[in-house]
C-alpha atoms as a PDB file:
ATOM      1  CA  MET A   1       0.000   0.000   0.000  1.00  0.00           C
ATOM      2  CA  ARG A   2       2.836   2.406   0.832  1.00  0.00           C
ATOM      3  CA  GLY A   3       4.428   1.664  -2.529  1.00  0.00           C
ATOM      4  CA  ILE A   4       1.265   2.629  -4.382  1.00  0.00           C
ATOM      5  CA  LEU A   5       0.825   5.845  -2.421  1.00  0.00           C
ATOM      6  CA  GLY A   6       4.500   6.690  -2.826  1.00  0.00           C
ATOM      7  CA  GLY A   7       4.264   6.121  -6.572  1.00  0.00           C
ATOM      8  CA  LEU A   8       1.184   8.317  -6.872  1.00  0.00           C
ATOM      9  CA  LEU A   9       2.826  11.062  -4.837  1.00  0.00           C
ATOM     10  CA  ALA A  10       5.972  10.872  -6.957  1.00  0.00           C
ATOM     11  CA  ALA A  11       3.898  11.057 -10.161  1.00  0.00           C
ATOM     12  CA  LEU A  12       2.068  14.136  -8.884  1.00  0.00           C
ATOM     13  CA  LEU A  13       5.280  15.833  -7.840  1.00  0.00           C
ATOM     14  CA  MET A  14       6.974  15.061 -11.141  1.00  0.00           C
ATOM     15  CA  GLY A  15       3.980  16.238 -13.167  1.00  0.00           C
ATOM     16  CA  CYS A  16       3.673  12.863 -14.897  1.00  0.00           C
ATOM     17  CA  GLY A  17       6.723  13.518 -17.068  1.00  0.00           C
ATOM     18  CA  GLY A  18       5.685  17.011 -18.186  1.00  0.00           C
ATOM     19  CA  SER A  19       7.840  20.094 -18.104  1.00  0.00           C
ATOM     20  CA  GLU A  20       8.358  22.111 -14.951  1.00  0.00           C
ATOM     21  CA  GLY A  21       6.065  24.821 -16.273  1.00  0.00           C
ATOM     22  CA  ASP A  22       5.463  27.043 -19.259  1.00  0.00           C
ATOM     23  CA  THR A  23       8.139  29.710 -19.024  1.00  0.00           C
ATOM     24  CA  ASN A  24       6.423  31.787 -21.740  1.00  0.00           C
ATOM     25  CA  ALA A  25       3.172  32.165 -19.809  1.00  0.00           C
ATOM     26  CA  PRO A  26       2.662  35.467 -17.984  1.00  0.00           C
ATOM     27  CA  PRO A  27       2.340  35.345 -14.206  1.00  0.00           C
ATOM     28  CA  PRO A  28      -1.237  34.741 -12.933  1.00  0.00           C
ATOM     29  CA  GLU A  29      -1.546  38.252 -11.518  1.00  0.00           C
ATOM     30  CA  THR A  30      -1.117  39.774 -14.996  1.00  0.00           C
ATOM     31  CA  GLN A  31      -3.433  37.449 -16.885  1.00  0.00           C
ATOM     32  CA  GLY A  32      -6.768  39.003 -17.788  1.00  0.00           C
ATOM     33  CA  GLY A  33      -6.181  42.211 -15.865  1.00  0.00           C
ATOM     34  CA  GLY A  34      -6.955  40.892 -12.395  1.00  0.00           C
ATOM     35  CA  VAL A  35      -9.673  39.014 -10.625  1.00  0.00           C
ATOM     36  CA  THR A  36     -12.826  38.740 -12.710  1.00  0.00           C
ATOM     37  CA  ALA A  37     -15.150  36.748 -10.472  1.00  0.00           C
ATOM     38  CA  SER A  38     -16.645  38.450  -7.468  1.00  0.00           C
ATOM     39  CA  ALA A  39     -19.434  37.733  -5.051  1.00  0.00           C
ATOM     40  CA  LEU A  40     -22.443  40.012  -4.988  1.00  0.00           C
ATOM     41  CA  CYS A  41     -24.388  40.570  -1.806  1.00  0.00           C
ATOM     42  CA  THR A  42     -27.727  38.779  -1.597  1.00  0.00           C
ATOM     43  CA  SER A  43     -28.795  40.657   1.534  1.00  0.00           C
ATOM     44  CA  ALA A  44     -27.936  43.889   3.284  1.00  0.00           C
ATOM     45  CA  TYR A  45     -25.868  43.528   6.441  1.00  0.00           C
ATOM     46  CA  LEU A  46     -22.969  44.936   8.396  1.00  0.00           C
ATOM     47  CA  THR A  47     -20.338  42.751  10.033  1.00  0.00           C
ATOM     48  CA  LYS A  48     -18.114  44.338  12.646  1.00  0.00           C
ATOM     49  CA  TYR A  49     -14.820  42.662  13.533  1.00  0.00           C
ATOM     50  CA  TYR A  50     -13.884  43.201  17.167  1.00  0.00           C
ATOM     51  CA  ASN A  51     -10.834  42.708  19.334  1.00  0.00           C
ATOM     52  CA  LYS A  52     -10.736  39.636  21.598  1.00  0.00           C
ATOM     53  CA  THR A  53     -12.833  41.300  24.330  1.00  0.00           C
ATOM     54  CA  TYR A  54     -15.429  42.745  21.895  1.00  0.00           C
ATOM     55  CA  THR A  55     -14.730  46.262  23.165  1.00  0.00           C
ATOM     56  CA  GLU A  56     -13.170  47.786  20.046  1.00  0.00           C
ATOM     57  CA  VAL A  57     -14.158  47.540  16.372  1.00  0.00           C
ATOM     58  CA  LEU A  58     -11.072  46.762  14.285  1.00  0.00           C
ATOM     59  CA  GLY A  59     -12.743  46.255  10.910  1.00  0.00           C
ATOM     60  CA  THR A  60     -16.016  46.107   9.016  1.00  0.00           C
ATOM     61  CA  LEU A  61     -17.623  44.327   6.086  1.00  0.00           C
ATOM     62  CA  THR A  62     -20.589  46.123   4.537  1.00  0.00           C
ATOM     63  CA  CYS A  63     -22.947  44.423   2.121  1.00  0.00           C
ATOM     64  CA  VAL A  64     -25.674  46.159   0.086  1.00  0.00           C
ATOM     65  CA  CYS A  65     -28.056  44.248  -2.198  1.00  0.00           C
ATOM     66  CA  GLY A  66     -26.525  43.506  -5.601  1.00  0.00           C
ATOM     67  CA  ALA A  67     -23.188  45.162  -4.815  1.00  0.00           C
ATOM     68  CA  GLU A  68     -19.791  43.736  -3.969  1.00  0.00           C
ATOM     69  CA  PRO A  69     -18.915  43.459  -0.263  1.00  0.00           C
ATOM     70  CA  VAL A  70     -16.788  46.334   1.036  1.00  0.00           C
ATOM     71  CA  PHE A  71     -14.039  45.551   3.557  1.00  0.00           C
ATOM     72  CA  ALA A  72     -12.394  48.134   5.786  1.00  0.00           C
ATOM     73  CA  GLY A  73      -9.853  47.737   8.560  1.00  0.00           C
ATOM     74  CA  SER A  74      -8.769  44.340   9.870  1.00  0.00           C
ATOM     75  CA  LEU A  75     -10.662  41.078   9.748  1.00  0.00           C
ATOM     76  CA  THR A  76     -10.487  39.317  13.111  1.00  0.00           C
ATOM     77  CA  PRO A  77     -11.849  36.000  14.401  1.00  0.00           C
ATOM     78  CA  TYR A  78     -14.375  37.947  16.519  1.00  0.00           C
ATOM     79  CA  PRO A  79     -17.208  39.108  14.217  1.00  0.00           C
ATOM     80  CA  LYS A  80     -20.760  40.196  14.928  1.00  0.00           C
ATOM     81  CA  THR A  81     -23.187  40.496  12.033  1.00  0.00           C
ATOM     82  CA  TYR A  82     -26.086  42.930  12.047  1.00  0.00           C
ATOM     83  CA  ASN A  83     -28.745  42.083   9.432  1.00  0.00           C
ATOM     84  CA  GLN A  84     -30.424  45.075   7.829  1.00  0.00           C
ATOM     85  CA  SER A  85     -32.722  43.634   5.144  1.00  0.00           C
ATOM     86  CA  THR A  86     -33.168  40.965   2.498  1.00  0.00           C
ATOM     87  CA  CYS A  87     -32.855  41.703  -1.182  1.00  0.00           C
ATOM     88  CA  PRO A  88     -35.954  41.786  -3.404  1.00  0.00           C
END
């Protein structure tokens, strides 16, 4: 079993005999002018990101129906979301 897994891992790492990569391809960040897919808000809400004790707002995420989410400040592991409305 280890031999099979080792062989599969080696094949994945080696790219199944292919080249190391296309050196003529532009880097991903320059292809297509940037990120093209984005999420649109399906409801209106505000998420506040707090410090560990929930006494200070360090960042926000604002969502308005049909628009892209807007981030400001820092995202922390201590959010609270305040729903404002649903989209029509």
